[in-house]
Amino acid sequence: MKKIAWLIAAATLVVAGGYSVVSLGRWEWTRALYFGLVFLAAEVALSTGLILRRLGRAPRTGRSARDLDPQTLAILRANRPPRPNRFDWLDPVSGRMNVFITMLVGGGVLLSGIAWLVDKVASRTTTPAGEVALAKQLGSIRYPRGGLLVDDVTVLAQAVPGVEDPQLRKLLRRSGHGG
């Protein structure tokens, strides 16, 4: 089964590489890119398989910690690199300016100030006269009073629903359906 998998991966690599070259020769860029990606995937799969096979063959020594040379172990432990301080930029004695925190806090204060300014300007530009003018402008596109739905009583009382309603007739006239 492993030989079949290796054979399929190698065949995929060869065929995808060939089709990629043929597609480039025919100026079919999209197809060449596709086959190039298939070629790359097959290449990665084959190389990963080869590496894992090589690691599987590596001799494993069943030595325990007692069997190791204590002098070699002591030298290794003495020369272990120090644990990195990932937050060294926060340490005040490091001599850094802590620009990240300063920019973060300063940016937040600046954005809050801009938002406050926009809110103040917006509250000053709204006046009762402006609201009345806006209401007049929006009056031409408002829904008819009472909404667009006709209740069941009106539907049953009229032969043609909504014929006697002037607002509905006005709405239908705007859309081109009313008389």
N, C-alpha and C. Protein backbone atom coordinates (compact mmCIF):
# COMPACT_ATOMS: atom_id res chain seq x y z
N MET A 1 0.82 -1.19 0.00
CA MET A 1 0.00 0.00 0.00
C MET A 1 0.87 1.26 0.00
N LYS A 2 1.98 1.20 0.74
CA LYS A 2 2.88 2.36 0.78
C LYS A 2 3.50 2.60 -0.59
N LYS A 3 3.83 1.51 -1.29
CA LYS A 3 4.44 1.68 -2.62
C LYS A 3 3.46 2.33 -3.58
N ILE A 4 2.18 2.00 -3.46
CA ILE A 4 1.16 2.60 -4.33
C ILE A 4 1.03 4.09 -4.03
N ALA A 5 1.06 4.47 -2.75
CA ALA A 5 0.98 5.88 -2.37
C ALA A 5 2.18 6.66 -2.89
N TRP A 6 3.39 6.06 -2.77
CA TRP A 6 4.59 6.71 -3.29
C TRP A 6 4.51 6.86 -4.81
N LEU A 7 4.00 5.83 -5.49
CA LEU A 7 3.89 5.85 -6.94
C LEU A 7 2.88 6.92 -7.39
N ILE A 8 1.75 7.02 -6.70
CA ILE A 8 0.74 8.03 -7.04
C ILE A 8 1.30 9.43 -6.83
N ALA A 9 2.01 9.65 -5.72
CA ALA A 9 2.58 10.97 -5.45
C ALA A 9 3.63 11.35 -6.49
N ALA A 10 4.46 10.38 -6.87
CA ALA A 10 5.49 10.66 -7.88
C ALA A 10 4.84 10.91 -9.24
N ALA A 11 3.82 10.14 -9.59
CA ALA A 11 3.13 10.35 -10.87
C ALA A 11 2.44 11.71 -10.89
N THR A 12 1.84 12.10 -9.77
CA THR A 12 1.19 13.41 -9.68
C THR A 12 2.22 14.52 -9.87
N LEU A 13 3.38 14.35 -9.28
CA LEU A 13 4.44 15.34 -9.42
C LEU A 13 4.87 15.48 -10.88
N VAL A 14 5.09 14.37 -11.54
CA VAL A 14 5.56 14.40 -12.93
C VAL A 14 4.48 14.95 -13.86
N VAL A 15 3.24 14.48 -13.72
CA VAL A 15 2.17 14.91 -14.61
C VAL A 15 1.84 16.39 -14.40
N ALA A 16 1.78 16.82 -13.14
CA ALA A 16 1.49 18.23 -12.87
C ALA A 16 2.60 19.12 -13.41
N GLY A 17 3.84 18.70 -13.26
CA GLY A 17 4.94 19.48 -13.80
C GLY A 17 4.87 19.55 -15.32
N GLY A 18 4.54 18.43 -15.97
CA GLY A 18 4.42 18.42 -17.42
C GLY A 18 3.28 19.30 -17.91
N TYR A 19 2.12 19.17 -17.27
CA TYR A 19 0.98 20.00 -17.68
C TYR A 19 1.24 21.48 -17.42
N SER A 20 1.97 21.78 -16.37
CA SER A 20 2.31 23.18 -16.10
C SER A 20 3.18 23.75 -17.21
N VAL A 21 4.15 22.98 -17.68
CA VAL A 21 5.01 23.44 -18.77
C VAL A 21 4.22 23.56 -20.06
N VAL A 22 3.36 22.58 -20.34
CA VAL A 22 2.54 22.63 -21.56
C VAL A 22 1.60 23.84 -21.52
N SER A 23 0.99 24.10 -20.37
CA SER A 23 0.07 25.23 -20.24
C SER A 23 0.82 26.55 -20.41
N LEU A 24 2.03 26.63 -19.91
CA LEU A 24 2.82 27.85 -20.12
C LEU A 24 3.14 28.02 -21.60
N GLY A 25 3.41 26.94 -22.28
CA GLY A 25 3.69 27.02 -23.71
C GLY A 25 2.48 27.46 -24.51
N ARG A 26 1.30 27.14 -24.03
CA ARG A 26 0.06 27.54 -24.71
C ARG A 26 -0.48 28.88 -24.22
N TRP A 27 0.22 29.53 -23.36
CA TRP A 27 -0.16 30.82 -22.77
C TRP A 27 -1.47 30.73 -21.99
N GLU A 28 -1.70 29.60 -21.34
CA GLU A 28 -2.87 29.43 -20.48
C GLU A 28 -2.41 29.60 -19.03
N TRP A 29 -2.39 30.86 -18.60
CA TRP A 29 -1.76 31.20 -17.33
C TRP A 29 -2.51 30.60 -16.14
N THR A 30 -3.83 30.65 -16.16
CA THR A 30 -4.60 30.14 -15.02
C THR A 30 -4.38 28.65 -14.85
N ARG A 31 -4.42 27.92 -15.96
CA ARG A 31 -4.20 26.48 -15.89
C ARG A 31 -2.77 26.17 -15.44
N ALA A 32 -1.81 26.96 -15.91
CA ALA A 32 -0.41 26.75 -15.51
C ALA A 32 -0.24 26.99 -14.01
N LEU A 33 -0.92 28.03 -13.50
CA LEU A 33 -0.85 28.28 -12.06
C LEU A 33 -1.47 27.14 -11.26
N TYR A 34 -2.59 26.62 -11.75
CA TYR A 34 -3.25 25.51 -11.05
C TYR A 34 -2.32 24.30 -11.00
N PHE A 35 -1.78 23.92 -12.15
CA PHE A 35 -0.89 22.76 -12.17
C PHE A 35 0.40 23.02 -11.40
N GLY A 36 0.83 24.28 -11.36
CA GLY A 36 2.00 24.61 -10.53
C GLY A 36 1.71 24.39 -9.06
N LEU A 37 0.51 24.75 -8.63
CA LEU A 37 0.14 24.51 -7.23
C LEU A 37 0.02 23.01 -6.93
N VAL A 38 -0.52 22.24 -7.87
CA VAL A 38 -0.59 20.79 -7.68
C VAL A 38 0.81 20.21 -7.61
N PHE A 39 1.69 20.69 -8.47
CA PHE A 39 3.09 20.25 -8.45
C PHE A 39 3.73 20.55 -7.09
N LEU A 40 3.50 21.77 -6.61
CA LEU A 40 4.07 22.17 -5.31
C LEU A 40 3.52 21.31 -4.18
N ALA A 41 2.23 21.02 -4.21
CA ALA A 41 1.63 20.19 -3.16
C ALA A 41 2.20 18.78 -3.20
N ALA A 42 2.36 18.23 -4.38
CA ALA A 42 2.94 16.89 -4.50
C ALA A 42 4.40 16.88 -4.05
N GLU A 43 5.12 17.93 -4.38
CA GLU A 43 6.52 18.02 -3.96
C GLU A 43 6.63 18.09 -2.43
N VAL A 44 5.78 18.89 -1.81
CA VAL A 44 5.80 18.99 -0.35
C VAL A 44 5.41 17.65 0.28
N ALA A 45 4.40 16.99 -0.29
CA ALA A 45 3.98 15.69 0.25
C ALA A 45 5.09 14.66 0.13
N LEU A 46 5.76 14.62 -1.02
CA LEU A 46 6.85 13.67 -1.18
C LEU A 46 8.02 13.96 -0.25
N SER A 47 8.39 15.22 -0.14
CA SER A 47 9.53 15.55 0.73
C SER A 47 9.18 15.29 2.19
N THR A 48 7.96 15.58 2.60
CA THR A 48 7.56 15.29 3.98
C THR A 48 7.57 13.79 4.24
N GLY A 49 7.07 13.02 3.27
CA GLY A 49 7.10 11.56 3.41
C GLY A 49 8.51 11.02 3.51
N LEU A 50 9.43 11.56 2.67
CA LEU A 50 10.82 11.11 2.73
C LEU A 50 11.47 11.44 4.07
N ILE A 51 11.21 12.63 4.58
CA ILE A 51 11.78 13.03 5.87
C ILE A 51 11.24 12.15 6.99
N LEU A 52 9.94 11.92 6.98
CA LEU A 52 9.36 11.07 8.03
C LEU A 52 9.85 9.63 7.92
N ARG A 53 10.07 9.14 6.70
CA ARG A 53 10.60 7.79 6.55
C ARG A 53 12.03 7.70 7.07
N ARG A 54 12.81 8.73 6.80
CA ARG A 54 14.19 8.75 7.28
C ARG A 54 14.21 8.82 8.81
N LEU A 55 13.33 9.64 9.39
CA LEU A 55 13.27 9.72 10.85
C LEU A 55 12.79 8.41 11.47
N GLY A 56 11.93 7.69 10.76
CA GLY A 56 11.46 6.40 11.27
C GLY A 56 12.55 5.36 11.31
N ARG A 57 13.52 5.49 10.40
CA ARG A 57 14.63 4.54 10.36
C ARG A 57 15.76 4.88 11.33
N ALA A 58 15.72 6.06 11.89
CA ALA A 58 16.81 6.49 12.79
C ALA A 58 16.85 5.57 14.01
N PRO A 59 18.04 5.21 14.38
CA PRO A 59 18.15 4.30 15.54
C PRO A 59 17.73 5.02 16.82
N ARG A 60 16.94 4.31 17.57
CA ARG A 60 16.48 4.87 18.84
C ARG A 60 17.24 4.18 19.96
N THR A 61 17.88 5.00 20.73
CA THR A 61 18.61 4.44 21.86
C THR A 61 17.72 4.49 23.08
N GLY A 62 17.64 3.41 23.77
CA GLY A 62 16.77 3.32 24.94
C GLY A 62 17.49 3.70 26.21
N ARG A 63 18.34 4.69 26.14
CA ARG A 63 19.09 5.10 27.33
C ARG A 63 18.20 5.90 28.26
N SER A 64 18.38 5.67 29.50
CA SER A 64 17.66 6.45 30.50
C SER A 64 18.58 7.55 31.02
N ALA A 65 18.06 8.39 31.87
CA ALA A 65 18.85 9.50 32.43
C ALA A 65 20.00 8.98 33.28
N ARG A 66 19.90 7.77 33.83
CA ARG A 66 20.98 7.20 34.65
C ARG A 66 22.18 6.82 33.81
N ASP A 67 21.92 6.42 32.56
CA ASP A 67 23.00 5.95 31.70
C ASP A 67 23.81 7.08 31.08
N LEU A 68 23.35 8.31 31.19
CA LEU A 68 24.06 9.43 30.59
C LEU A 68 25.26 9.82 31.43
N ASP A 69 26.23 10.41 30.75
CA ASP A 69 27.42 10.87 31.44
C ASP A 69 27.05 12.10 32.26
N PRO A 70 27.25 12.08 33.57
CA PRO A 70 26.85 13.22 34.40
C PRO A 70 27.64 14.49 34.10
N GLN A 71 28.87 14.34 33.66
CA GLN A 71 29.67 15.51 33.34
C GLN A 71 29.13 16.20 32.09
N THR A 72 28.76 15.44 31.07
CA THR A 72 28.17 16.01 29.85
C THR A 72 26.85 16.69 30.17
N LEU A 73 26.04 16.05 30.98
CA LEU A 73 24.76 16.62 31.37
C LEU A 73 24.95 17.92 32.16
N ALA A 74 25.95 17.98 33.03
CA ALA A 74 26.22 19.19 33.81
C ALA A 74 26.69 20.33 32.89
N ILE A 75 27.51 20.02 31.89
CA ILE A 75 27.98 21.03 30.95
C ILE A 75 26.81 21.59 30.14
N LEU A 76 25.93 20.70 29.69
CA LEU A 76 24.76 21.14 28.94
C LEU A 76 23.85 22.04 29.78
N ARG A 77 23.64 21.66 31.02
CA ARG A 77 22.77 22.46 31.89
C ARG A 77 23.42 23.79 32.25
N ALA A 78 24.73 23.84 32.37
CA ALA A 78 25.41 25.09 32.71
C ALA A 78 25.40 26.06 31.54
N ASN A 79 25.38 25.54 30.33
CA ASN A 79 25.41 26.40 29.14
C ASN A 79 24.04 26.62 28.52
N ARG A 80 23.02 26.30 29.25
CA ARG A 80 21.66 26.51 28.75
C ARG A 80 21.43 28.01 28.57
N PRO A 81 20.84 28.41 27.44
CA PRO A 81 20.61 29.85 27.24
C PRO A 81 19.59 30.37 28.25
N PRO A 82 19.75 31.63 28.64
CA PRO A 82 18.81 32.18 29.62
C PRO A 82 17.41 32.27 29.02
N ARG A 83 16.44 32.17 29.90
CA ARG A 83 15.05 32.23 29.44
C ARG A 83 14.77 33.65 28.96
N PRO A 84 14.24 33.78 27.75
CA PRO A 84 14.03 35.13 27.22
C PRO A 84 12.91 35.86 27.96
N ASN A 85 13.15 37.15 28.17
CA ASN A 85 12.14 37.99 28.80
C ASN A 85 11.32 38.62 27.67
N ARG A 86 10.13 38.10 27.46
CA ARG A 86 9.31 38.55 26.35
C ARG A 86 8.70 39.94 26.59
N PHE A 87 8.70 40.38 27.82
CA PHE A 87 8.14 41.70 28.15
C PHE A 87 9.24 42.66 28.59
N ASP A 88 10.39 42.55 27.96
CA ASP A 88 11.51 43.42 28.29
C ASP A 88 11.19 44.88 28.00
N TRP A 89 10.34 45.15 27.03
CA TRP A 89 10.00 46.52 26.68
C TRP A 89 9.18 47.20 27.77
N LEU A 90 8.62 46.43 28.70
CA LEU A 90 7.87 47.02 29.81
C LEU A 90 8.77 47.35 31.01
N ASP A 91 9.98 46.83 31.02
CA ASP A 91 10.89 47.04 32.14
C ASP A 91 11.45 48.47 32.10
N PRO A 92 11.23 49.26 33.16
CA PRO A 92 11.71 50.65 33.11
C PRO A 92 13.23 50.77 33.10
N VAL A 93 13.96 49.78 33.59
CA VAL A 93 15.42 49.88 33.61
C VAL A 93 16.04 49.46 32.28
N SER A 94 15.23 49.03 31.32
CA SER A 94 15.79 48.60 30.04
C SER A 94 16.27 49.77 29.20
N GLY A 95 15.86 51.00 29.55
CA GLY A 95 16.30 52.17 28.82
C GLY A 95 15.48 52.47 27.59
N ARG A 96 14.45 51.71 27.37
CA ARG A 96 13.60 51.96 26.21
C ARG A 96 12.54 52.99 26.58
N MET A 97 11.98 53.58 25.57
CA MET A 97 11.01 54.65 25.79
C MET A 97 9.57 54.15 25.95
N ASN A 98 9.34 52.84 25.82
CA ASN A 98 8.00 52.27 25.91
C ASN A 98 7.05 52.97 24.95
N VAL A 99 7.47 53.04 23.72
CA VAL A 99 6.73 53.77 22.70
C VAL A 99 5.39 53.10 22.42
N PHE A 100 5.34 51.78 22.49
CA PHE A 100 4.11 51.08 22.18
C PHE A 100 2.97 51.52 23.10
N ILE A 101 3.21 51.51 24.40
CA ILE A 101 2.18 51.90 25.37
C ILE A 101 1.84 53.38 25.20
N THR A 102 2.84 54.19 24.98
CA THR A 102 2.60 55.62 24.81
C THR A 102 1.73 55.88 23.59
N MET A 103 2.03 55.22 22.49
CA MET A 103 1.24 55.40 21.28
C MET A 103 -0.17 54.86 21.45
N LEU A 104 -0.30 53.73 22.16
CA LEU A 104 -1.62 53.15 22.37
C LEU A 104 -2.50 54.06 23.21
N VAL A 105 -1.97 54.54 24.32
CA VAL A 105 -2.75 55.42 25.20
C VAL A 105 -2.97 56.77 24.52
N GLY A 106 -1.93 57.31 23.90
CA GLY A 106 -2.06 58.59 23.22
C GLY A 106 -3.05 58.52 22.06
N GLY A 107 -3.02 57.43 21.32
CA GLY A 107 -3.97 57.25 20.23
C GLY A 107 -5.40 57.15 20.73
N GLY A 108 -5.59 56.47 21.87
CA GLY A 108 -6.93 56.37 22.46
C GLY A 108 -7.45 57.71 22.92
N VAL A 109 -6.57 58.50 23.55
CA VAL A 109 -6.98 59.84 23.99
C VAL A 109 -7.31 60.71 22.78
N LEU A 110 -6.49 60.62 21.75
CA LEU A 110 -6.72 61.42 20.54
C LEU A 110 -8.04 61.04 19.87
N LEU A 111 -8.32 59.74 19.74
CA LEU A 111 -9.58 59.31 19.14
C LEU A 111 -10.78 59.71 20.00
N SER A 112 -10.64 59.64 21.32
CA SER A 112 -11.73 60.07 22.20
C SER A 112 -11.98 61.56 22.05
N GLY A 113 -10.93 62.35 21.92
CA GLY A 113 -11.08 63.79 21.72
C GLY A 113 -11.76 64.11 20.40
N ILE A 114 -11.41 63.40 19.35
CA ILE A 114 -12.04 63.62 18.05
C ILE A 114 -13.52 63.25 18.12
N ALA A 115 -13.85 62.12 18.76
CA ALA A 115 -15.25 61.72 18.89
C ALA A 115 -16.04 62.74 19.69
N TRP A 116 -15.46 63.29 20.76
CA TRP A 116 -16.13 64.32 21.57
C TRP A 116 -16.38 65.57 20.72
N LEU A 117 -15.38 65.97 19.94
CA LEU A 117 -15.51 67.15 19.08
C LEU A 117 -16.61 66.96 18.03
N VAL A 118 -16.65 65.79 17.40
CA VAL A 118 -17.69 65.51 16.40
C VAL A 118 -19.06 65.54 17.05
N ASP A 119 -19.19 65.00 18.25
CA ASP A 119 -20.48 65.01 18.96
C ASP A 119 -20.92 66.44 19.28
N LYS A 120 -20.00 67.27 19.72
CA LYS A 120 -20.35 68.66 20.04
C LYS A 120 -20.76 69.44 18.79
N VAL A 121 -20.03 69.26 17.70
CA VAL A 121 -20.38 69.96 16.46
C VAL A 121 -21.73 69.47 15.95
N ALA A 122 -21.99 68.18 16.02
CA ALA A 122 -23.26 67.65 15.54
C ALA A 122 -24.42 68.15 16.39
N SER A 123 -24.23 68.27 17.70
CA SER A 123 -25.33 68.75 18.55
C SER A 123 -25.60 70.24 18.33
N ARG A 124 -24.60 71.00 17.92
CA ARG A 124 -24.79 72.43 17.68
C ARG A 124 -25.43 72.72 16.31
N THR A 125 -25.26 71.80 15.35
CA THR A 125 -25.80 72.06 14.02
C THR A 125 -27.25 71.63 13.89
N THR A 126 -27.81 70.95 14.87
CA THR A 126 -29.21 70.54 14.82
C THR A 126 -30.05 71.59 15.53
N THR A 127 -30.98 72.20 14.78
CA THR A 127 -31.86 73.22 15.35
C THR A 127 -33.31 72.82 15.09
N PRO A 128 -34.25 73.38 15.86
CA PRO A 128 -35.66 73.07 15.61
C PRO A 128 -36.10 73.50 14.20
N ALA A 129 -35.57 74.60 13.69
CA ALA A 129 -35.92 75.04 12.34
C ALA A 129 -35.41 74.04 11.30
N GLY A 130 -34.23 73.49 11.53
CA GLY A 130 -33.69 72.48 10.62
C GLY A 130 -34.51 71.20 10.63
N GLU A 131 -35.04 70.84 11.81
CA GLU A 131 -35.87 69.65 11.90
C GLU A 131 -37.19 69.86 11.15
N VAL A 132 -37.77 71.06 11.24
CA VAL A 132 -39.01 71.35 10.52
C VAL A 132 -38.77 71.29 9.01
N ALA A 133 -37.67 71.85 8.54
CA ALA A 133 -37.35 71.80 7.12
C ALA A 133 -37.14 70.37 6.65
N LEU A 134 -36.50 69.56 7.47
CA LEU A 134 -36.29 68.16 7.11
C LEU A 134 -37.62 67.41 7.06
N ALA A 135 -38.51 67.70 8.02
CA ALA A 135 -39.82 67.05 8.02
C ALA A 135 -40.61 67.41 6.76
N LYS A 136 -40.51 68.67 6.31
CA LYS A 136 -41.20 69.07 5.07
C LYS A 136 -40.63 68.32 3.87
N GLN A 137 -39.32 68.17 3.82
CA GLN A 137 -38.70 67.47 2.69
C GLN A 137 -39.07 65.99 2.68
N LEU A 138 -39.18 65.39 3.87
CA LEU A 138 -39.49 63.96 3.95
C LEU A 138 -40.98 63.69 3.78
N GLY A 139 -41.82 64.73 3.86
CA GLY A 139 -43.26 64.54 3.73
C GLY A 139 -43.67 63.98 2.39
N SER A 140 -42.93 64.26 1.34
CA SER A 140 -43.31 63.79 0.01
C SER A 140 -43.08 62.29 -0.17
N ILE A 141 -42.27 61.68 0.67
CA ILE A 141 -42.01 60.25 0.50
C ILE A 141 -42.56 59.43 1.66
N ARG A 142 -43.45 60.01 2.48
CA ARG A 142 -43.95 59.26 3.64
C ARG A 142 -45.02 58.27 3.22
N TYR A 143 -45.26 57.29 4.07
CA TYR A 143 -46.34 56.33 3.85
C TYR A 143 -47.68 57.02 4.07
N PRO A 144 -48.75 56.49 3.48
CA PRO A 144 -50.07 57.07 3.73
C PRO A 144 -50.46 56.87 5.20
N ARG A 145 -51.33 57.72 5.72
CA ARG A 145 -51.77 57.59 7.11
C ARG A 145 -52.52 56.27 7.27
N GLY A 146 -52.20 55.57 8.32
CA GLY A 146 -52.83 54.28 8.56
C GLY A 146 -52.07 53.12 7.95
N GLY A 147 -51.03 53.38 7.21
CA GLY A 147 -50.22 52.31 6.64
C GLY A 147 -50.71 51.84 5.29
N LEU A 148 -50.09 50.82 4.76
CA LEU A 148 -50.42 50.29 3.45
C LEU A 148 -51.39 49.12 3.50
N LEU A 149 -51.56 48.50 4.66
CA LEU A 149 -52.42 47.32 4.77
C LEU A 149 -53.87 47.72 4.90
N VAL A 150 -54.74 46.96 4.24
CA VAL A 150 -56.18 47.16 4.34
C VAL A 150 -56.71 46.09 5.28
N ASP A 151 -57.58 46.47 6.24
CA ASP A 151 -58.08 45.49 7.19
C ASP A 151 -59.17 44.63 6.55
N ASP A 152 -59.51 43.51 7.21
CA ASP A 152 -60.47 42.56 6.66
C ASP A 152 -61.85 43.15 6.48
N VAL A 153 -62.29 44.03 7.37
CA VAL A 153 -63.62 44.64 7.27
C VAL A 153 -63.73 45.46 6.00
N THR A 154 -62.72 46.23 5.68
CA THR A 154 -62.73 47.05 4.46
C THR A 154 -62.73 46.17 3.22
N VAL A 155 -61.99 45.08 3.25
CA VAL A 155 -61.92 44.18 2.11
C VAL A 155 -63.28 43.55 1.86
N LEU A 156 -63.97 43.11 2.92
CA LEU A 156 -65.27 42.47 2.75
C LEU A 156 -66.37 43.46 2.41
N ALA A 157 -66.24 44.71 2.79
CA ALA A 157 -67.27 45.71 2.55
C ALA A 157 -67.22 46.27 1.15
N GLN A 158 -66.16 46.16 0.43
CA GLN A 158 -66.03 46.76 -0.89
C GLN A 158 -65.87 45.67 -1.95
N ALA A 159 -66.40 45.96 -3.10
CA ALA A 159 -66.26 45.02 -4.21
C ALA A 159 -64.80 44.98 -4.65
N VAL A 160 -64.19 46.14 -4.79
CA VAL A 160 -62.78 46.24 -5.12
C VAL A 160 -62.10 46.90 -3.93
N PRO A 161 -61.24 46.20 -3.24
CA PRO A 161 -60.66 46.76 -2.02
C PRO A 161 -59.83 48.01 -2.30
N GLY A 162 -60.05 49.01 -1.48
CA GLY A 162 -59.25 50.21 -1.52
C GLY A 162 -59.66 51.23 -2.55
N VAL A 163 -60.76 51.01 -3.29
CA VAL A 163 -61.14 51.96 -4.34
C VAL A 163 -61.60 53.28 -3.74
N GLU A 164 -62.25 53.23 -2.60
CA GLU A 164 -62.79 54.44 -1.99
C GLU A 164 -61.77 55.17 -1.12
N ASP A 165 -60.59 54.58 -0.91
CA ASP A 165 -59.59 55.20 -0.05
C ASP A 165 -58.77 56.19 -0.88
N PRO A 166 -58.87 57.50 -0.59
CA PRO A 166 -58.14 58.48 -1.41
C PRO A 166 -56.62 58.36 -1.27
N GLN A 167 -56.16 57.99 -0.09
CA GLN A 167 -54.71 57.86 0.08
C GLN A 167 -54.16 56.68 -0.73
N LEU A 168 -54.90 55.57 -0.75
CA LEU A 168 -54.46 54.43 -1.53
C LEU A 168 -54.52 54.76 -3.02
N ARG A 169 -55.54 55.48 -3.45
CA ARG A 169 -55.65 55.89 -4.84
C ARG A 169 -54.47 56.80 -5.21
N LYS A 170 -54.07 57.69 -4.28
CA LYS A 170 -52.93 58.58 -4.52
C LYS A 170 -51.64 57.76 -4.64
N LEU A 171 -51.49 56.76 -3.77
CA LEU A 171 -50.31 55.92 -3.81
C LEU A 171 -50.25 55.12 -5.11
N LEU A 172 -51.40 54.57 -5.54
CA LEU A 172 -51.43 53.79 -6.78
C LEU A 172 -51.20 54.68 -7.99
N ARG A 173 -51.65 55.92 -7.94
CA ARG A 173 -51.44 56.85 -9.03
C ARG A 173 -49.96 57.14 -9.21
N ARG A 174 -49.22 57.25 -8.10
CA ARG A 174 -47.77 57.52 -8.16
C ARG A 174 -47.03 56.36 -8.83
N SER A 175 -47.48 55.13 -8.59
CA SER A 175 -46.77 53.99 -9.16
C SER A 175 -47.26 53.65 -10.55
N GLY A 176 -48.28 54.35 -11.05
CA GLY A 176 -48.73 54.13 -12.40
C GLY A 176 -49.87 53.14 -12.52
N HIS A 177 -50.47 52.66 -11.40
CA HIS A 177 -51.53 51.67 -11.46
C HIS A 177 -52.92 52.27 -11.23
N GLY A 178 -53.01 53.45 -10.65
CA GLY A 178 -54.32 53.99 -10.28
C GLY A 178 -54.88 54.85 -11.40
N GLY A 179 -56.21 55.10 -11.33
CA GLY A 179 -56.85 55.88 -12.37
C GLY A 179 -57.18 57.26 -11.95
